C-alpha atoms as a PDB file:
ATOM      1  CA  MET A   1      23.792  -2.903   8.812  1.00  0.00           C
ATOM      2  CA  SER A   2      20.020  -2.666   8.493  1.00  0.00           C
ATOM      3  CA  ARG A   3      18.165  -4.224   5.595  1.00  0.00           C
ATOM      4  CA  ASP A   4      15.252  -1.746   5.813  1.00  0.00           C
ATOM      5  CA  ILE A   5      12.843  -4.552   6.676  1.00  0.00           C
ATOM      6  CA  SER A   6      10.023  -4.725   9.181  1.00  0.00           C
ATOM      7  CA  TRP A   7       9.739  -8.283  10.541  1.00  0.00           C
ATOM      8  CA  ILE A   8       6.724  -9.882  12.175  1.00  0.00           C
ATOM      9  CA  ASN A   9       8.257 -12.219  14.776  1.00  0.00           C
ATOM     10  CA  GLU A  10       5.145 -13.240  16.724  1.00  0.00           C
ATOM     11  CA  ILE A  11       1.408 -13.329  16.172  1.00  0.00           C
ATOM     12  CA  LYS A  12      -1.085 -13.372  19.032  1.00  0.00           C
ATOM     13  CA  ASN A  13      -4.769 -13.924  18.300  1.00  0.00           C
ATOM     14  CA  ASN A  14      -6.470 -12.881  21.534  1.00  0.00           C
ATOM     15  CA  THR A  15      -9.959 -13.306  20.091  1.00  0.00           C
ATOM     16  CA  GLU A  16     -12.486 -16.113  19.758  1.00  0.00           C
ATOM     17  CA  GLU A  17     -12.423 -15.889  15.951  1.00  0.00           C
ATOM     18  CA  ASP A  18     -10.032 -17.458  13.440  1.00  0.00           C
ATOM     19  CA  TYR A  19      -8.024 -15.159  11.163  1.00  0.00           C
ATOM     20  CA  ILE A  20      -5.833 -15.835   8.162  1.00  0.00           C
ATOM     21  CA  ILE A  21      -2.540 -14.306   7.123  1.00  0.00           C
ATOM     22  CA  TRP A  22      -1.607 -14.178   3.447  1.00  0.00           C
ATOM     23  CA  CYS A  23       1.357 -12.745   1.590  1.00  0.00           C
ATOM     24  CA  HIS A  24       2.157 -11.909  -2.015  1.00  0.00           C
ATOM     25  CA  ASP A  25       5.874 -11.111  -2.206  1.00  0.00           C
ATOM     26  CA  THR A  26       9.128 -12.088  -3.867  1.00  0.00           C
ATOM     27  CA  ASP A  27      10.785 -13.083  -0.579  1.00  0.00           C
ATOM     28  CA  ASN A  28      10.219 -13.240   3.195  1.00  0.00           C
ATOM     29  CA  GLU A  29       6.702 -14.648   2.909  1.00  0.00           C
ATOM     30  CA  GLY A  30       6.842 -16.339   6.289  1.00  0.00           C
ATOM     31  CA  GLU A  31       6.472 -19.602   8.133  1.00  0.00           C
ATOM     32  CA  TYR A  32       4.718 -20.102  11.453  1.00  0.00           C
ATOM     33  CA  ARG A  33       5.122 -22.405  14.448  1.00  0.00           C
ATOM     34  CA  ASP A  34       3.133 -22.810  17.655  1.00  0.00           C
ATOM     35  CA  PHE A  35       4.785 -20.727  20.396  1.00  0.00           C
ATOM     36  CA  VAL A  36       4.445 -23.455  23.051  1.00  0.00           C
ATOM     37  CA  THR A  37       4.815 -26.744  21.157  1.00  0.00           C
ATOM     38  CA  ASP A  38       7.043 -25.486  18.298  1.00  0.00           C
ATOM     39  CA  GLU A  39       4.859 -27.547  15.920  1.00  0.00           C
ATOM     40  CA  PRO A  40       4.606 -26.173  12.350  1.00  0.00           C
ATOM     41  CA  VAL A  41       1.382 -24.288  11.592  1.00  0.00           C
ATOM     42  CA  GLY A  42       1.988 -23.313   7.967  1.00  0.00           C
ATOM     43  CA  LYS A  43       3.865 -21.249   5.390  1.00  0.00           C
ATOM     44  CA  ASN A  44       2.760 -18.364   3.183  1.00  0.00           C
ATOM     45  CA  ASP A  45       5.019 -19.599   0.360  1.00  0.00           C
ATOM     46  CA  GLY A  46       3.397 -19.484  -3.055  1.00  0.00           C
ATOM     47  CA  GLY A  47       0.482 -17.330  -1.917  1.00  0.00           C
ATOM     48  CA  LYS A  48      -0.942 -19.833   0.582  1.00  0.00           C
ATOM     49  CA  GLN A  49      -3.207 -18.643   3.376  1.00  0.00           C
ATOM     50  CA  VAL A  50      -2.288 -19.680   6.919  1.00  0.00           C
ATOM     51  CA  ILE A  51      -5.023 -19.887   9.555  1.00  0.00           C
ATOM     52  CA  ILE A  52      -4.369 -18.113  12.864  1.00  0.00           C
ATOM     53  CA  LYS A  53      -6.696 -20.046  15.165  1.00  0.00           C
ATOM     54  CA  ALA A  54      -8.637 -18.306  17.936  1.00  0.00           C
ATOM     55  CA  GLY A  55      -6.346 -17.979  20.968  1.00  0.00           C
ATOM     56  CA  ALA A  56      -3.230 -18.891  18.953  1.00  0.00           C
ATOM     57  CA  HIS A  57       0.241 -17.632  19.805  1.00  0.00           C
ATOM     58  CA  LEU A  58       2.616 -18.181  16.888  1.00  0.00           C
ATOM     59  CA  VAL A  59       6.296 -17.624  16.268  1.00  0.00           C
ATOM     60  CA  ALA A  60       6.935 -16.263  12.779  1.00  0.00           C
ATOM     61  CA  GLY A  61      10.116 -16.812  10.810  1.00  0.00           C
ATOM     62  CA  GLY A  62      11.081 -14.920   7.666  1.00  0.00           C
ATOM     63  CA  CYS A  63       7.841 -12.950   7.861  1.00  0.00           C
ATOM     64  CA  GLY A  64       8.611  -9.550   6.340  1.00  0.00           C
ATOM     65  CA  ILE A  65       6.244  -6.711   5.597  1.00  0.00           C
ATOM     66  CA  PRO A  66       6.490  -6.355   1.784  1.00  0.00           C
ATOM     67  CA  ASP A  67       7.544  -3.155   0.071  1.00  0.00           C
ATOM     68  CA  GLY A  68       5.116  -1.289  -2.148  1.00  0.00           C
ATOM     69  CA  GLY A  69       6.280  -2.805  -5.428  1.00  0.00           C
ATOM     70  CA  ASP A  70       4.665  -5.536  -7.438  1.00  0.00           C
ATOM     71  CA  LYS A  71       5.300  -9.136  -8.428  1.00  0.00           C
ATOM     72  CA  ASP A  72       3.948 -10.515 -11.698  1.00  0.00           C
ATOM     73  CA  GLY A  73       1.939  -7.315 -12.211  1.00  0.00           C
ATOM     74  CA  LYS A  74       0.142  -7.605  -8.861  1.00  0.00           C
ATOM     75  CA  PRO A  75       0.881  -5.393  -5.800  1.00  0.00           C
ATOM     76  CA  LYS A  76       2.951  -7.059  -3.087  1.00  0.00           C
ATOM     77  CA  ALA A  77       1.135  -7.171   0.250  1.00  0.00           C
ATOM     78  CA  ARG A  78       0.734  -8.893   3.590  1.00  0.00           C
ATOM     79  CA  VAL A  79      -2.939  -9.269   4.492  1.00  0.00           C
ATOM     80  CA  ILE A  80      -4.637 -10.196   7.778  1.00  0.00           C
ATOM     81  CA  CYS A  81      -8.278 -11.143   7.395  1.00  0.00           C
ATOM     82  CA  ALA A  82     -11.024 -12.625   9.553  1.00  0.00           C
ATOM     83  CA  TYR A  83     -11.564 -16.187   8.360  1.00  0.00           C
ATOM     84  CA  SER A  84     -15.285 -15.479   8.105  1.00  0.00           C
ATOM     85  CA  ALA A  85     -14.617 -12.594   5.654  1.00  0.00           C
ATOM     86  CA  ALA A  86     -11.996 -14.331   3.493  1.00  0.00           C
ATOM     87  CA  GLN A  87     -12.746 -15.825   0.111  1.00  0.00           C
ATOM     88  CA  ARG A  88     -12.576 -19.622   0.377  1.00  0.00           C
ATOM     89  CA  HIS A  89      -9.490 -20.486  -1.642  1.00  0.00           C
ATOM     90  CA  SER A  90      -5.787 -20.731  -0.964  1.00  0.00           C
ATOM     91  CA  GLY A  91      -4.705 -17.378  -2.430  1.00  0.00           C
ATOM     92  CA  ASP A  92      -5.643 -13.734  -2.023  1.00  0.00           C
ATOM     93  CA  PRO A  93      -8.476 -13.459   0.528  1.00  0.00           C
ATOM     94  CA  GLY A  94      -9.935 -10.467  -1.339  1.00  0.00           C
ATOM     95  CA  ALA A  95     -10.501  -8.515   1.891  1.00  0.00           C
ATOM     96  CA  GLY A  96      -8.707  -7.606   5.090  1.00  0.00           C
ATOM     97  CA  LEU A  97      -6.023  -5.326   6.449  1.00  0.00           C
ATOM     98  CA  ARG A  98      -3.119  -4.862   4.012  1.00  0.00           C
ATOM     99  CA  ILE A  99       0.244  -3.694   5.345  1.00  0.00           C
ATOM    100  CA  ASN A 100       3.264  -2.587   3.339  1.00  0.00           C
ATOM    101  CA  ARG A 101       6.567  -0.898   4.125  1.00  0.00           C
ATOM    102  CA  VAL A 102       7.204   1.849   1.591  1.00  0.00           C
ATOM    103  CA  MET A 103       9.644   4.695   1.005  1.00  0.00           C
ATOM    104  CA  GLY A 104       8.499   8.100   2.138  1.00  0.00           C
ATOM    105  CA  ASP A 105       9.978  11.564   1.730  1.00  0.00           C
ATOM    106  CA  ASN A 106      13.162  12.971   3.278  1.00  0.00           C
ATOM    107  CA  ASP A 107      14.952   9.700   4.065  1.00  0.00           C
ATOM    108  CA  GLN A 108      11.920   8.258   5.791  1.00  0.00           C
ATOM    109  CA  ASP A 109      10.092   4.953   5.434  1.00  0.00           C
ATOM    110  CA  LYS A 110       6.595   4.120   6.549  1.00  0.00           C
ATOM    111  CA  ILE A 111       4.364   1.182   7.276  1.00  0.00           C
ATOM    112  CA  VAL A 112       1.106   1.809   5.437  1.00  0.00           C
ATOM    113  CA  TYR A 113      -2.214   0.305   6.514  1.00  0.00           C
ATOM    114  CA  ARG A 114      -4.837  -0.184   3.768  1.00  0.00           C
ATOM    115  CA  ASP A 115      -8.235  -1.743   3.423  1.00  0.00           C
ATOM    116  CA  HIS A 116      -7.300  -4.611   1.103  1.00  0.00           C
ATOM    117  CA  TYR A 117     -10.744  -4.710  -0.501  1.00  0.00           C
ATOM    118  CA  THR A 118     -10.935  -1.005  -1.437  1.00  0.00           C
ATOM    119  CA  THR A 119      -7.137  -0.292  -1.320  1.00  0.00           C
ATOM    120  CA  LYS A 120      -8.014   2.862   0.656  1.00  0.00           C
ATOM    121  CA  GLN A 121      -5.166   3.976   2.919  1.00  0.00           C
ATOM    122  CA  LEU A 122      -6.193   3.955   6.574  1.00  0.00           C
ATOM    123  CA  ALA A 123      -3.021   5.218   8.244  1.00  0.00           C
ATOM    124  CA  GLU A 124       0.753   5.131   8.258  1.00  0.00           C
ATOM    125  CA  ILE A 125       3.611   4.921  10.729  1.00  0.00           C
ATOM    126  CA  ILE A 126       6.618   7.042   9.678  1.00  0.00           C
ATOM    127  CA  PHE A 127      10.204   6.381  10.798  1.00  0.00           C
ATOM    128  CA  PRO A 128      13.769   7.055   9.569  1.00  0.00           C
ATOM    129  CA  ARG A 129      15.048   4.992   6.637  1.00  0.00           C
ATOM    130  CA  GLY A 130      17.763   2.461   7.466  1.00  0.00           C
ATOM    131  CA  MET A 131      15.863   0.902  10.353  1.00  0.00           C
ATOM    132  CA  GLU A 132      14.756  -2.649  10.967  1.00  0.00           C
ATOM    133  CA  GLN A 133      11.819  -3.395  13.284  1.00  0.00           C
ATOM    134  CA  ASN A 134      10.804  -6.569  15.072  1.00  0.00           C
ATOM    135  CA  ILE A 135       7.046  -6.621  15.530  1.00  0.00           C
ATOM    136  CA  ILE A 136       4.410  -8.587  17.396  1.00  0.00           C
ATOM    137  CA  LEU A 137       1.149  -8.689  15.426  1.00  0.00           C
ATOM    138  CA  ARG A 138      -1.568  -8.725  18.072  1.00  0.00           C
ATOM    139  CA  ILE A 139      -5.241  -9.313  17.237  1.00  0.00           C
ATOM    140  CA  ASP A 140      -7.518  -8.186  20.067  1.00  0.00           C
ATOM    141  CA  ALA A 141     -11.300  -7.824  20.113  1.00  0.00           C
ATOM    142  CA  ASP A 142     -10.932  -4.021  19.905  1.00  0.00           C
ATOM    143  CA  GLY A 143      -8.293  -3.925  17.176  1.00  0.00           C
ATOM    144  CA  ILE A 144      -5.192  -5.193  15.403  1.00  0.00           C
ATOM    145  CA  TYR A 145      -1.939  -3.865  16.814  1.00  0.00           C
ATOM    146  CA  LEU A 146       1.644  -3.859  15.540  1.00  0.00           C
ATOM    147  CA  ASP A 147       3.620  -3.867  18.789  1.00  0.00           C
ATOM    148  CA  ILE A 148       7.187  -2.772  18.078  1.00  0.00           C
ATOM    149  CA  LYS A 149       9.418  -5.105  20.070  1.00  0.00           C
ATOM    150  CA  GLU A 150      12.750  -3.733  18.987  1.00  0.00           C
ATOM    151  CA  ALA A 151      14.247  -1.358  16.443  1.00  0.00           C
ATOM    152  CA  LYS A 152      17.697  -2.266  15.170  1.00  0.00           C
ATOM    153  CA  THR A 153      19.599   0.694  13.812  1.00  0.00           C
ATOM    154  CA  SER A 154      23.069   1.989  13.168  1.00  0.00           C
ATOM    155  CA  SER A 155      22.982   4.926  15.572  1.00  0.00           C
ATOM    156  CA  GLU A 156      21.578   5.794  18.986  1.00  0.00           C
ATOM    157  CA  TRP A 157      20.099   8.978  17.543  1.00  0.00           C
ATOM    158  CA  GLN A 158      17.973   7.104  15.023  1.00  0.00           C
ATOM    159  CA  ALA A 159      16.812   4.724  17.742  1.00  0.00           C
ATOM    160  CA  TYR A 160      15.850   7.705  19.900  1.00  0.00           C
ATOM    161  CA  VAL A 161      13.953   9.466  17.102  1.00  0.00           C
ATOM    162  CA  PHE A 162      12.180   6.245  16.176  1.00  0.00           C
ATOM    163  CA  GLY A 163      11.263   5.576  19.802  1.00  0.00           C
ATOM    164  CA  GLN A 164       9.972   9.090  20.413  1.00  0.00           C
ATOM    165  CA  LYS A 165       7.894   9.186  17.225  1.00  0.00           C
ATOM    166  CA  LEU A 166       6.363   5.792  17.904  1.00  0.00           C
ATOM    167  CA  LYS A 167       5.734   6.618  21.555  1.00  0.00           C
ATOM    168  CA  ASP A 168       3.756   9.717  20.550  1.00  0.00           C
ATOM    169  CA  PHE A 169       2.001   7.886  17.720  1.00  0.00           C
ATOM    170  CA  PHE A 170       0.924   4.918  19.803  1.00  0.00           C
ATOM    171  CA  GLU A 171      -0.239   7.002  22.755  1.00  0.00           C
ATOM    172  CA  GLU A 172      -2.431   9.201  20.560  1.00  0.00           C
ATOM    173  CA  LEU A 173      -3.416   7.215  17.481  1.00  0.00           C
ATOM    174  CA  ALA A 174      -2.855   3.507  18.050  1.00  0.00           C
ATOM    175  CA  PRO A 175      -6.306   2.760  19.508  1.00  0.00           C
ATOM    176  CA  GLU A 176      -8.052   4.378  16.511  1.00  0.00           C
ATOM    177  CA  LEU A 177      -5.695   2.709  14.036  1.00  0.00           C
ATOM    178  CA  ALA A 178      -6.206  -0.677  15.700  1.00  0.00           C
ATOM    179  CA  LYS A 179      -9.966  -0.198  15.439  1.00  0.00           C
ATOM    180  CA  LEU A 180      -9.765   0.639  11.713  1.00  0.00           C
ATOM    181  CA  ALA A 181      -7.450  -2.340  11.198  1.00  0.00           C
ATOM    182  CA  ILE A 182      -9.860  -4.829  12.799  1.00  0.00           C
ATOM    183  CA  GLN A 183     -12.748  -3.361  10.789  1.00  0.00           C
ATOM    184  CA  ALA A 184     -10.777  -3.844   7.577  1.00  0.00           C
ATOM    185  CA  ALA A 185      -9.848  -7.393   8.592  1.00  0.00           C
ATOM    186  CA  GLN A 186     -13.515  -8.144   9.231  1.00  0.00           C
ATOM    187  CA  LYS A 187     -14.578  -6.489   5.940  1.00  0.00           C
ATOM    188  CA  ALA A 188     -16.661  -3.942   7.833  1.00  0.00           C
ATOM    189  CA  LEU A 189     -15.407  -0.855   5.991  1.00  0.00           C
ATOM    190  CA  GLU A 190     -17.645   0.365   3.227  1.00  0.00           C
ATOM    191  CA  ALA A 191     -16.294   0.687  -0.318  1.00  0.00           C
ATOM    192  CA  VAL A 192     -15.638   4.307  -1.161  1.00  0.00           C
END
């Protein structure tokens, strides 16, 4: 049975710049290990930032994409931000790409991309409710990508619909979305 969670299982930073990942959530904040050496890199527990070094390939455990609710009066979020654009403290970087998994209409869920600084919505990926995704977060020079590795679901039909919708979405819109995502992470979007 699905838990309606989108999991980040791997992170690949294919750039020459360091990034951070930060999470404000009630659960599934995430811990990270080096893909090759299995050495610990860090945990997002308690609102801590974790640095994703240039060229890093990390395995993520318990790294969910938060829902759209709030914790202690502050919106839950997972944020990816260029280290150079982040505020220099251990908590909220104050800028970056914010991703959430939220409920949509008609038994659908969606992953919503926002500029964390302005909270402006950049895009969304819509899929049937009751699905669980495993995702590779890939940071390339031309954008930030959420590569769907696998979709666990209770029926073949839902898997087919999910696959078809994502196939169409990624073929047509992924490059533009990835570009907006990297701009948000580098704090290049202008406040509206």
